[in-house]
Protein backbone atom coordinates (compact mmCIF):
# COMPACT_ATOMS: atom_id res chain seq x y z
CA MET A 1 15.73 26.73 128.06
CA ILE A 2 16.78 28.01 124.79
CA LYS A 3 18.47 31.28 124.59
CA ILE A 4 18.23 33.34 121.55
CA ASN A 5 20.71 36.01 121.02
CA LEU A 6 19.10 38.88 119.31
CA LEU A 7 22.22 41.02 119.27
CA PRO A 8 23.87 41.30 115.93
CA ILE A 9 27.23 39.77 116.81
CA LYS A 10 28.55 39.71 113.30
CA GLU A 11 27.79 43.36 112.92
CA LEU A 12 29.44 44.19 116.23
CA LYS A 13 32.55 42.26 115.25
CA GLN A 14 32.70 44.05 111.93
CA ARG A 15 32.34 47.43 113.64
CA ARG A 16 35.06 46.56 116.10
CA ARG A 17 37.32 45.39 113.25
CA ARG A 18 36.61 48.61 111.28
CA ARG A 19 37.34 50.67 114.38
CA GLN A 20 40.65 48.83 114.89
CA GLU A 21 41.54 49.29 111.23
CA LEU A 22 40.69 53.00 111.50
CA PHE A 23 42.85 53.35 114.64
CA PHE A 24 45.67 51.46 112.90
CA LEU A 25 45.36 53.69 109.81
CA VAL A 26 45.27 56.89 111.89
CA GLY A 27 48.19 55.64 114.01
CA SER A 28 50.21 54.74 110.90
CA LEU A 29 49.49 58.11 109.29
CA THR A 30 50.42 59.88 112.52
CA ALA A 31 53.68 57.90 112.78
CA LEU A 32 54.47 58.62 109.11
CA LEU A 33 53.73 62.30 109.63
CA LEU A 34 55.98 62.39 112.70
CA LEU A 35 58.73 60.61 110.78
CA LEU A 36 58.48 63.15 107.94
CA VAL A 37 58.58 66.08 110.38
CA VAL A 38 61.66 64.65 112.11
CA ALA A 39 63.36 64.01 108.75
CA THR A 40 62.54 67.54 107.56
CA LEU A 41 63.92 69.06 110.76
CA ALA A 42 67.08 66.97 110.48
CA LEU A 43 67.60 68.01 106.83
CA ASN A 44 66.99 71.67 107.71
CA ALA A 45 69.56 71.44 110.50
CA GLN A 46 72.02 69.82 108.08
CA VAL A 47 71.37 72.52 105.44
CA ASN A 48 71.89 75.27 108.04
CA GLY A 49 75.12 73.61 109.17
CA LEU A 50 76.37 73.41 105.58
CA LYS A 51 75.46 77.07 104.96
CA ALA A 52 77.42 78.07 108.06
CA GLU A 53 80.35 75.94 106.86
CA ILE A 54 80.22 77.62 103.41
CA VAL A 55 80.27 81.05 105.05
CA GLU A 56 83.29 80.02 107.16
CA LEU A 57 85.10 78.56 104.15
CA ASP A 58 84.43 81.74 102.13
CA ARG A 59 85.91 83.78 104.97
CA GLN A 60 88.98 81.54 105.09
CA LYS A 61 89.28 81.71 101.29
CA ALA A 62 89.23 85.51 101.40
CA SER A 63 91.99 85.56 104.01
CA LEU A 64 94.03 83.01 102.05
CA GLN A 65 93.63 84.95 98.79
CA SER A 66 95.49 87.89 100.29
CA ILE A 67 98.27 85.51 101.30
CA GLN A 68 98.23 84.00 97.80
CA ARG A 69 98.59 87.48 96.29
CA GLN A 70 101.56 88.14 98.58
CA ILE A 71 103.16 84.83 97.56
CA THR A 72 102.62 85.64 93.87
CA ALA A 73 104.16 89.09 94.36
CA LEU A 74 107.15 87.56 96.17
CA GLN A 75 107.61 85.00 93.39
CA ARG A 76 107.61 87.79 90.80
CA GLN A 77 110.17 89.71 92.86
CA GLN A 78 112.30 86.58 93.17
CA GLU A 79 112.17 85.98 89.40
CA ALA A 80 113.09 89.62 88.77
CA LEU A 81 116.01 89.37 91.18
CA GLU A 82 117.20 86.12 89.61
CA THR A 83 117.04 87.76 86.19
CA LYS A 84 119.06 90.72 87.47
CA ILE A 85 121.61 88.44 89.13
CA SER A 86 121.93 86.44 85.92
CA ALA A 87 122.41 89.65 83.94
CA ILE A 88 125.07 90.84 86.40
CA ARG A 89 126.90 87.53 86.17
CA THR A 90 126.75 87.67 82.38
CA LEU A 91 128.03 91.24 82.38
CA ARG A 92 130.88 90.34 84.74
CA THR A 93 131.82 87.38 82.59
CA HIS A 94 131.60 89.29 79.33
CA SER A 95 133.24 92.46 80.67
CA GLN A 96 136.44 90.53 81.27
CA LEU A 97 136.19 88.59 78.04
CA PRO A 98 138.02 91.09 75.76
CA VAL A 99 140.91 91.35 78.22
CA ARG A 100 141.14 87.57 78.55
CA VAL A 101 140.95 87.12 74.77
CA LEU A 102 143.77 89.62 74.18
CA ASP A 103 145.83 87.93 76.88
CA GLU A 104 145.30 84.50 75.28
CA ILE A 105 146.19 85.82 71.82
CA SER A 106 149.30 87.53 73.19
CA ASN A 107 150.49 84.46 75.11
CA ARG A 108 149.86 82.03 72.26
CA THR A 109 151.34 84.04 69.37
CA PRO A 110 154.93 83.00 68.51
CA SER A 111 156.62 86.41 68.13
CA GLN A 112 159.69 85.11 66.20
CA ARG A 113 157.66 83.34 63.51
CA MET A 114 154.62 85.59 62.96
CA TRP A 115 153.02 88.92 63.75
CA LEU A 116 149.45 90.14 63.79
CA ASN A 117 148.20 93.07 61.74
CA SER A 118 144.64 93.36 63.06
CA LEU A 119 142.24 91.99 65.65
CA ARG A 120 138.51 92.58 65.62
CA LEU A 121 136.05 91.23 68.20
CA ALA A 122 132.41 91.48 67.14
CA GLY A 123 130.01 89.68 69.43
CA ASN A 124 131.44 86.19 69.91
CA THR A 125 133.51 86.23 66.71
CA LEU A 126 137.16 87.24 66.66
CA SER A 127 138.81 88.04 63.32
CA ILE A 128 142.59 88.01 63.13
CA ALA A 129 144.76 89.03 60.20
CA GLY A 130 148.53 88.61 60.23
CA VAL A 131 151.70 87.43 58.56
CA GLY A 132 153.57 84.19 59.23
CA LEU A 133 156.77 82.64 57.93
CA ASP A 134 155.07 79.61 56.36
CA ASN A 135 151.97 77.41 56.33
CA PRO A 136 153.16 75.04 59.13
CA THR A 137 153.61 78.06 61.43
CA ILE A 138 150.05 79.17 60.72
CA ALA A 139 148.71 75.62 61.25
CA GLN A 140 150.59 75.27 64.54
CA TYR A 141 149.23 78.68 65.67
CA MET A 142 145.67 77.54 64.88
CA GLN A 143 146.15 74.34 66.92
CA THR A 144 147.56 76.35 69.82
CA LEU A 145 144.54 78.67 69.75
CA GLU A 146 142.11 75.74 69.65
CA ARG A 147 143.54 74.42 72.93
CA SER A 148 142.57 77.64 74.70
CA PRO A 149 139.45 77.45 76.91
CA TYR A 150 138.35 80.82 75.49
CA PHE A 151 138.11 79.71 71.86
CA ALA A 152 135.57 77.18 70.60
CA GLY A 153 136.63 76.94 66.99
CA VAL A 154 139.42 78.34 64.82
CA ASP A 155 138.78 78.53 61.08
CA LEU A 156 141.23 79.63 58.41
CA ALA A 157 139.39 82.23 56.34
CA SER A 158 142.18 82.87 53.83
CA THR A 159 145.90 82.54 53.22
CA ALA A 160 148.06 84.03 50.51
CA GLN A 161 151.73 84.36 49.71
CA THR A 162 153.15 87.88 49.86
CA ASP A 163 156.55 89.46 49.37
CA ILE A 164 157.68 91.58 52.33
CA GLY A 165 161.22 92.97 52.37
CA GLY A 166 162.34 90.55 49.69
CA GLN A 167 161.09 87.51 51.63
CA LYS A 168 158.21 85.30 50.66
CA LEU A 169 155.82 85.18 53.64
CA LYS A 170 152.26 84.02 54.16
CA THR A 171 149.43 86.42 55.02
CA PHE A 172 146.51 84.79 56.75
CA SER A 173 143.08 85.56 58.11
CA LEU A 174 141.45 83.55 60.92
CA THR A 175 137.90 83.51 62.23
CA ILE A 176 137.63 82.35 65.84
CA ARG A 177 134.49 81.68 67.85
CA VAL A 178 134.99 83.10 71.36
CA THR A 179 133.40 81.45 74.42
CA PRO A 180 133.04 83.01 77.87
CA PRO A 181 135.57 81.74 80.38
CA PRO A 182 134.43 78.82 82.52
CA ALA A 183 133.09 79.85 85.95
CA LYS A 184 135.92 78.08 87.81
CA GLU A 185 138.52 80.31 86.12
CA ALA A 186 136.83 83.55 87.26
CA PRO A 187 139.04 85.61 89.60
CA GLU A 188 138.58 85.10 93.35
CA GLY A 189 136.27 87.46 95.24
CA GLU A 190 134.32 88.47 92.15
CA GLY A 191 131.04 87.02 93.44
CA GLU A 192 131.08 89.00 96.71
CA GLN A 193 131.06 92.46 95.13
């Protein structure tokens, strides 16, 4: 016997295929939607974590700024103290300078061959005027002064012949650049005061 199938098999297969495609599409959309929700939640959690970290860092920054201000204030105080110490050292050095200069001049002046009429210390320049027996005596005196650690340069400003007590003598004028004494020659115990 011949069987005739009156059921529309092609149509049923197409419906089943459409239903499977619809389920696949709905399942894919659902999976995509779930993936987007999970990603959004993860990003929100990360954003909240970063906001909390920013708040914590701002708090730490505020506490460190007060420490930074203290450090800056201490550095200013240190610079001010170093300036004062430097000024004190300079004053100590320069307060003894006139005494040392006079001592050097006194020790280096040959009393039998010359005498000094005037000394004038203005800043770091010493002007000396005096009378010597002759030009070699004046030249030797200048060389002796140049060897002193307190004098940087000795220049002959003028020299002239003069008659004093019937003798022909030489008047002279010197300009000397004075330097502070080296630190190693400062008297002992000066730094502890």
